[in-house]
Amino acid sequence: MIDRLVALFRDIYLHRDAHHLSGLALVGVRAVLGVESARGSPLNIQRSLHVPNLTRAEVEDLFAQYREESGQGVDPLVVAALFEATRGQPGLVSWVGELLTEACNPGSGEPITSRTWNRV
């Protein structure tokens, strides 16, 4: 599927006068050129960007911003557990944060507690 997707992007690039796409950045946990393709590399340029892990303070700040914007409490033990489980990896912090605040959120009237954490 990834091979087909990047091949589509390459085709858009080759026929760029027919499209309005002027640039593309693919962000993920693996290099696009790591995709096995019978046609070879679908892209002619790759630049890896190192995204460092978030610090505990940065993860705490993200949840402080969430509390301020949503008005919903988040138990500091949940934030600590999230940091320990993800070691601050940005993609994992975001994904688990989304599960905590959206998919498994107990409701705006209740704080996010270890019960929510255990469910996630």
N, C-alpha and C. Protein backbone atom coordinates (compact mmCIF):
# COMPACT_ATOMS: atom_id res chain seq x y z
N MET A 1 0.83 -1.19 0.00
CA MET A 1 0.00 0.00 0.00
C MET A 1 0.88 1.25 0.00
N ILE A 2 1.92 1.26 0.84
CA ILE A 2 2.82 2.42 0.90
C ILE A 2 3.51 2.61 -0.44
N ASP A 3 3.93 1.51 -1.06
CA ASP A 3 4.58 1.59 -2.37
C ASP A 3 3.64 2.24 -3.38
N ARG A 4 2.38 1.85 -3.39
CA ARG A 4 1.42 2.43 -4.33
C ARG A 4 1.18 3.90 -4.05
N LEU A 5 1.14 4.27 -2.77
CA LEU A 5 0.92 5.66 -2.40
C LEU A 5 2.07 6.56 -2.86
N VAL A 6 3.30 6.15 -2.58
CA VAL A 6 4.44 6.98 -2.99
C VAL A 6 4.59 6.99 -4.51
N ALA A 7 4.21 5.90 -5.19
CA ALA A 7 4.22 5.89 -6.65
C ALA A 7 3.22 6.91 -7.19
N LEU A 8 2.08 7.04 -6.53
CA LEU A 8 1.09 8.04 -6.91
C LEU A 8 1.66 9.45 -6.76
N PHE A 9 2.34 9.70 -5.63
CA PHE A 9 2.96 11.01 -5.43
C PHE A 9 4.00 11.30 -6.51
N ARG A 10 4.77 10.28 -6.87
CA ARG A 10 5.78 10.45 -7.91
C ARG A 10 5.11 10.79 -9.24
N ASP A 11 4.01 10.13 -9.55
CA ASP A 11 3.28 10.41 -10.78
C ASP A 11 2.74 11.85 -10.79
N ILE A 12 2.24 12.29 -9.65
CA ILE A 12 1.77 13.68 -9.54
C ILE A 12 2.93 14.63 -9.81
N TYR A 13 4.09 14.33 -9.28
CA TYR A 13 5.27 15.17 -9.52
C TYR A 13 5.63 15.19 -11.00
N LEU A 14 5.64 14.03 -11.63
CA LEU A 14 6.02 13.95 -13.05
C LEU A 14 5.02 14.68 -13.95
N HIS A 15 3.78 14.78 -13.52
CA HIS A 15 2.74 15.47 -14.29
C HIS A 15 2.26 16.71 -13.52
N ARG A 16 3.22 17.44 -12.95
CA ARG A 16 2.89 18.54 -12.05
C ARG A 16 2.11 19.68 -12.70
N ASP A 17 2.21 19.85 -14.07
CA ASP A 17 1.42 20.93 -14.68
C ASP A 17 -0.07 20.63 -14.61
N ALA A 18 -0.44 19.38 -14.39
CA ALA A 18 -1.85 19.00 -14.29
C ALA A 18 -2.35 18.98 -12.84
N HIS A 19 -1.46 19.27 -11.89
CA HIS A 19 -1.82 19.23 -10.46
C HIS A 19 -1.37 20.52 -9.77
N HIS A 20 -1.91 20.77 -8.63
CA HIS A 20 -1.57 21.97 -7.87
C HIS A 20 -0.61 21.70 -6.72
N LEU A 21 -0.06 20.52 -6.67
CA LEU A 21 0.88 20.15 -5.61
C LEU A 21 2.25 20.70 -5.95
N SER A 22 2.80 21.52 -5.07
CA SER A 22 4.13 22.08 -5.34
C SER A 22 5.21 21.48 -4.45
N GLY A 23 4.83 20.80 -3.41
CA GLY A 23 5.79 20.17 -2.52
C GLY A 23 5.11 19.12 -1.67
N LEU A 24 5.92 18.23 -1.14
CA LEU A 24 5.38 17.13 -0.35
C LEU A 24 6.40 16.72 0.69
N ALA A 25 5.95 16.54 1.90
CA ALA A 25 6.80 16.00 2.95
C ALA A 25 6.07 14.80 3.55
N LEU A 26 6.72 13.67 3.55
CA LEU A 26 6.16 12.47 4.15
C LEU A 26 6.79 12.31 5.53
N VAL A 27 5.98 12.25 6.55
CA VAL A 27 6.47 12.18 7.91
C VAL A 27 6.05 10.84 8.49
N GLY A 28 7.00 10.11 9.04
CA GLY A 28 6.68 8.83 9.62
C GLY A 28 7.86 8.27 10.37
N VAL A 29 7.71 7.06 10.82
CA VAL A 29 8.76 6.43 11.61
C VAL A 29 9.69 5.58 10.78
N ARG A 30 9.49 5.55 9.47
CA ARG A 30 10.40 4.81 8.63
C ARG A 30 10.68 5.61 7.36
N ALA A 31 11.81 5.37 6.76
CA ALA A 31 12.20 6.09 5.56
C ALA A 31 11.40 5.59 4.37
N VAL A 32 10.98 6.51 3.54
CA VAL A 32 10.22 6.15 2.35
C VAL A 32 11.06 5.27 1.43
N LEU A 33 12.35 5.54 1.35
CA LEU A 33 13.19 4.74 0.47
C LEU A 33 13.38 3.32 0.99
N GLY A 34 12.93 3.05 2.21
CA GLY A 34 12.97 1.70 2.74
C GLY A 34 11.86 0.82 2.16
N VAL A 35 10.95 1.44 1.41
CA VAL A 35 9.85 0.71 0.80
C VAL A 35 10.40 -0.13 -0.35
N GLU A 36 10.11 -1.42 -0.33
CA GLU A 36 10.53 -2.31 -1.41
C GLU A 36 9.62 -2.09 -2.61
N SER A 37 10.22 -1.83 -3.76
CA SER A 37 9.45 -1.60 -4.96
C SER A 37 10.15 -2.22 -6.15
N ALA A 38 9.40 -2.91 -6.99
CA ALA A 38 9.97 -3.51 -8.20
C ALA A 38 10.42 -2.44 -9.18
N ARG A 39 9.87 -1.24 -9.05
CA ARG A 39 10.19 -0.15 -9.96
C ARG A 39 11.36 0.70 -9.46
N GLY A 40 11.92 0.36 -8.32
CA GLY A 40 12.99 1.17 -7.75
C GLY A 40 12.41 2.26 -6.87
N SER A 41 13.23 3.22 -6.53
CA SER A 41 12.80 4.29 -5.64
C SER A 41 11.72 5.14 -6.30
N PRO A 42 10.61 5.37 -5.61
CA PRO A 42 9.56 6.20 -6.17
C PRO A 42 9.90 7.69 -6.11
N LEU A 43 10.84 8.05 -5.29
CA LEU A 43 11.20 9.45 -5.11
C LEU A 43 12.67 9.64 -5.41
N ASN A 44 13.02 10.81 -5.87
CA ASN A 44 14.42 11.05 -6.19
C ASN A 44 15.13 11.87 -5.12
N ILE A 45 14.43 12.28 -4.11
CA ILE A 45 15.03 13.07 -3.04
C ILE A 45 14.53 12.52 -1.71
N GLN A 46 15.45 12.36 -0.79
CA GLN A 46 15.06 11.98 0.56
C GLN A 46 15.94 12.75 1.52
N ARG A 47 15.34 13.33 2.50
CA ARG A 47 16.09 14.00 3.55
C ARG A 47 15.48 13.57 4.87
N SER A 48 16.26 12.88 5.64
CA SER A 48 15.77 12.45 6.94
C SER A 48 15.89 13.60 7.92
N LEU A 49 14.92 13.71 8.75
CA LEU A 49 14.89 14.75 9.76
C LEU A 49 14.80 14.07 11.12
N HIS A 50 15.79 14.32 11.95
CA HIS A 50 15.78 13.72 13.28
C HIS A 50 14.86 14.53 14.19
N VAL A 51 13.87 13.87 14.76
CA VAL A 51 12.97 14.50 15.71
C VAL A 51 13.28 13.89 17.07
N PRO A 52 13.87 14.68 17.95
CA PRO A 52 14.25 14.12 19.26
C PRO A 52 13.02 13.80 20.11
N ASN A 53 13.21 12.89 21.04
CA ASN A 53 12.14 12.57 21.98
C ASN A 53 11.83 13.78 22.83
N LEU A 54 10.58 13.86 23.25
CA LEU A 54 10.15 14.93 24.15
C LEU A 54 10.69 14.66 25.55
N THR A 55 10.97 15.71 26.27
CA THR A 55 11.38 15.56 27.67
C THR A 55 10.13 15.40 28.54
N ARG A 56 10.34 14.97 29.76
CA ARG A 56 9.20 14.86 30.69
C ARG A 56 8.51 16.22 30.84
N ALA A 57 9.30 17.28 30.94
CA ALA A 57 8.73 18.62 31.09
C ALA A 57 7.88 19.02 29.87
N GLU A 58 8.33 18.63 28.68
CA GLU A 58 7.57 18.95 27.48
C GLU A 58 6.25 18.17 27.43
N VAL A 59 6.27 16.92 27.85
CA VAL A 59 5.03 16.12 27.89
C VAL A 59 4.09 16.71 28.94
N GLU A 60 4.63 17.08 30.09
CA GLU A 60 3.81 17.72 31.12
C GLU A 60 3.20 19.02 30.60
N ASP A 61 3.99 19.79 29.85
CA ASP A 61 3.50 21.05 29.29
C ASP A 61 2.37 20.81 28.29
N LEU A 62 2.49 19.77 27.46
CA LEU A 62 1.42 19.45 26.51
C LEU A 62 0.10 19.20 27.24
N PHE A 63 0.17 18.45 28.33
CA PHE A 63 -1.06 18.16 29.07
C PHE A 63 -1.55 19.37 29.87
N ALA A 64 -0.64 20.23 30.28
CA ALA A 64 -1.05 21.48 30.93
C ALA A 64 -1.82 22.35 29.93
N GLN A 65 -1.34 22.38 28.68
CA GLN A 65 -2.05 23.13 27.64
C GLN A 65 -3.43 22.52 27.38
N TYR A 66 -3.48 21.19 27.38
CA TYR A 66 -4.77 20.52 27.19
C TYR A 66 -5.73 20.89 28.32
N ARG A 67 -5.24 20.84 29.56
CA ARG A 67 -6.09 21.18 30.72
C ARG A 67 -6.61 22.62 30.59
N GLU A 68 -5.72 23.53 30.20
CA GLU A 68 -6.10 24.94 30.08
C GLU A 68 -7.15 25.14 28.98
N GLU A 69 -6.96 24.48 27.84
CA GLU A 69 -7.88 24.66 26.71
C GLU A 69 -9.21 23.95 26.90
N SER A 70 -9.18 22.75 27.50
CA SER A 70 -10.40 21.94 27.61
C SER A 70 -11.11 22.13 28.94
N GLY A 71 -10.37 22.53 29.96
CA GLY A 71 -10.95 22.62 31.29
C GLY A 71 -11.05 21.27 31.99
N GLN A 72 -10.55 20.24 31.36
CA GLN A 72 -10.61 18.88 31.92
C GLN A 72 -9.32 18.57 32.66
N GLY A 73 -9.45 18.06 33.86
CA GLY A 73 -8.29 17.68 34.64
C GLY A 73 -7.62 16.41 34.11
N VAL A 74 -6.32 16.35 34.31
CA VAL A 74 -5.55 15.15 33.95
C VAL A 74 -4.65 14.84 35.13
N ASP A 75 -4.81 13.67 35.71
CA ASP A 75 -4.00 13.26 36.85
C ASP A 75 -2.52 13.27 36.47
N PRO A 76 -1.68 13.94 37.26
CA PRO A 76 -0.24 13.95 36.97
C PRO A 76 0.38 12.56 36.90
N LEU A 77 -0.19 11.59 37.60
CA LEU A 77 0.31 10.22 37.53
C LEU A 77 0.09 9.62 36.14
N VAL A 78 -0.98 10.04 35.46
CA VAL A 78 -1.25 9.57 34.10
C VAL A 78 -0.19 10.12 33.16
N VAL A 79 0.12 11.40 33.31
CA VAL A 79 1.15 12.02 32.46
C VAL A 79 2.50 11.34 32.70
N ALA A 80 2.82 11.06 33.95
CA ALA A 80 4.08 10.39 34.28
C ALA A 80 4.11 8.98 33.68
N ALA A 81 3.00 8.26 33.76
CA ALA A 81 2.93 6.91 33.20
C ALA A 81 3.06 6.94 31.68
N LEU A 82 2.44 7.93 31.05
CA LEU A 82 2.54 8.07 29.60
C LEU A 82 3.99 8.31 29.20
N PHE A 83 4.66 9.21 29.92
CA PHE A 83 6.06 9.48 29.59
C PHE A 83 6.92 8.23 29.78
N GLU A 84 6.71 7.52 30.85
CA GLU A 84 7.50 6.31 31.09
C GLU A 84 7.25 5.25 30.03
N ALA A 85 6.00 5.10 29.61
CA ALA A 85 5.66 4.08 28.62
C ALA A 85 6.18 4.43 27.22
N THR A 86 6.21 5.71 26.89
CA THR A 86 6.60 6.12 25.54
C THR A 86 8.04 6.63 25.46
N ARG A 87 8.64 6.91 26.63
CA ARG A 87 9.99 7.51 26.71
C ARG A 87 10.05 8.82 25.93
N GLY A 88 8.89 9.46 25.73
CA GLY A 88 8.84 10.75 25.06
C GLY A 88 8.85 10.70 23.55
N GLN A 89 8.73 9.50 22.96
CA GLN A 89 8.73 9.42 21.49
C GLN A 89 7.52 10.21 20.99
N PRO A 90 7.75 11.27 20.18
CA PRO A 90 6.68 12.20 19.82
C PRO A 90 5.44 11.55 19.19
N GLY A 91 5.63 10.61 18.29
CA GLY A 91 4.48 9.96 17.66
C GLY A 91 3.66 9.18 18.66
N LEU A 92 4.33 8.46 19.56
CA LEU A 92 3.62 7.68 20.57
C LEU A 92 2.93 8.58 21.59
N VAL A 93 3.61 9.65 22.01
CA VAL A 93 3.00 10.59 22.96
C VAL A 93 1.71 11.15 22.35
N SER A 94 1.78 11.54 21.08
CA SER A 94 0.60 12.10 20.40
C SER A 94 -0.52 11.07 20.29
N TRP A 95 -0.15 9.86 19.88
CA TRP A 95 -1.17 8.83 19.70
C TRP A 95 -1.84 8.46 21.02
N VAL A 96 -1.05 8.21 22.05
CA VAL A 96 -1.62 7.84 23.35
C VAL A 96 -2.39 9.03 23.93
N GLY A 97 -1.87 10.25 23.72
CA GLY A 97 -2.59 11.44 24.16
C GLY A 97 -3.95 11.56 23.49
N GLU A 98 -4.00 11.23 22.21
CA GLU A 98 -5.27 11.25 21.48
C GLU A 98 -6.23 10.21 22.05
N LEU A 99 -5.72 9.02 22.36
CA LEU A 99 -6.57 7.99 22.97
C LEU A 99 -7.11 8.45 24.31
N LEU A 100 -6.26 9.08 25.11
CA LEU A 100 -6.68 9.55 26.43
C LEU A 100 -7.71 10.67 26.35
N THR A 101 -7.51 11.61 25.44
CA THR A 101 -8.33 12.82 25.41
C THR A 101 -9.51 12.74 24.45
N GLU A 102 -9.51 11.74 23.56
CA GLU A 102 -10.61 11.63 22.61
C GLU A 102 -11.28 10.27 22.67
N ALA A 103 -10.61 9.24 22.21
CA ALA A 103 -11.24 7.92 22.07
C ALA A 103 -11.73 7.34 23.39
N CYS A 104 -10.95 7.48 24.45
CA CYS A 104 -11.30 6.87 25.74
C CYS A 104 -11.63 7.91 26.81
N ASN A 105 -11.84 9.13 26.41
CA ASN A 105 -12.11 10.22 27.34
C ASN A 105 -13.38 9.93 28.14
N PRO A 106 -13.31 10.01 29.48
CA PRO A 106 -14.48 9.71 30.30
C PRO A 106 -15.55 10.80 30.23
N GLY A 107 -15.27 11.92 29.60
CA GLY A 107 -16.21 13.03 29.50
C GLY A 107 -15.65 14.26 30.15
N SER A 108 -16.02 15.42 29.62
CA SER A 108 -15.42 16.67 30.09
C SER A 108 -15.68 16.96 31.57
N GLY A 109 -16.71 16.35 32.13
CA GLY A 109 -17.01 16.57 33.54
C GLY A 109 -16.15 15.75 34.48
N GLU A 110 -15.42 14.78 33.94
CA GLU A 110 -14.58 13.91 34.77
C GLU A 110 -13.12 14.08 34.38
N PRO A 111 -12.22 14.01 35.34
CA PRO A 111 -10.79 14.09 35.00
C PRO A 111 -10.31 12.79 34.36
N ILE A 112 -9.22 12.90 33.66
CA ILE A 112 -8.57 11.72 33.10
C ILE A 112 -7.69 11.15 34.20
N THR A 113 -8.02 9.94 34.64
CA THR A 113 -7.34 9.32 35.78
C THR A 113 -6.65 8.02 35.36
N SER A 114 -6.10 7.34 36.35
CA SER A 114 -5.45 6.06 36.07
C SER A 114 -6.44 5.03 35.52
N ARG A 115 -7.71 5.20 35.82
CA ARG A 115 -8.72 4.30 35.24
C ARG A 115 -8.75 4.45 33.71
N THR A 116 -8.71 5.69 33.24
CA THR A 116 -8.65 5.94 31.80
C THR A 116 -7.34 5.41 31.22
N TRP A 117 -6.25 5.66 31.94
CA TRP A 117 -4.93 5.18 31.50
C TRP A 117 -4.95 3.67 31.33
N ASN A 118 -5.49 2.96 32.30
CA ASN A 118 -5.55 1.50 32.24
C ASN A 118 -6.39 1.02 31.07
N ARG A 119 -7.45 1.77 30.76
CA ARG A 119 -8.29 1.42 29.62
C ARG A 119 -7.54 1.60 28.31
N VAL A 120 -6.77 2.68 28.23
CA VAL A 120 -5.97 2.93 27.02
C VAL A 120 -4.90 1.87 26.90
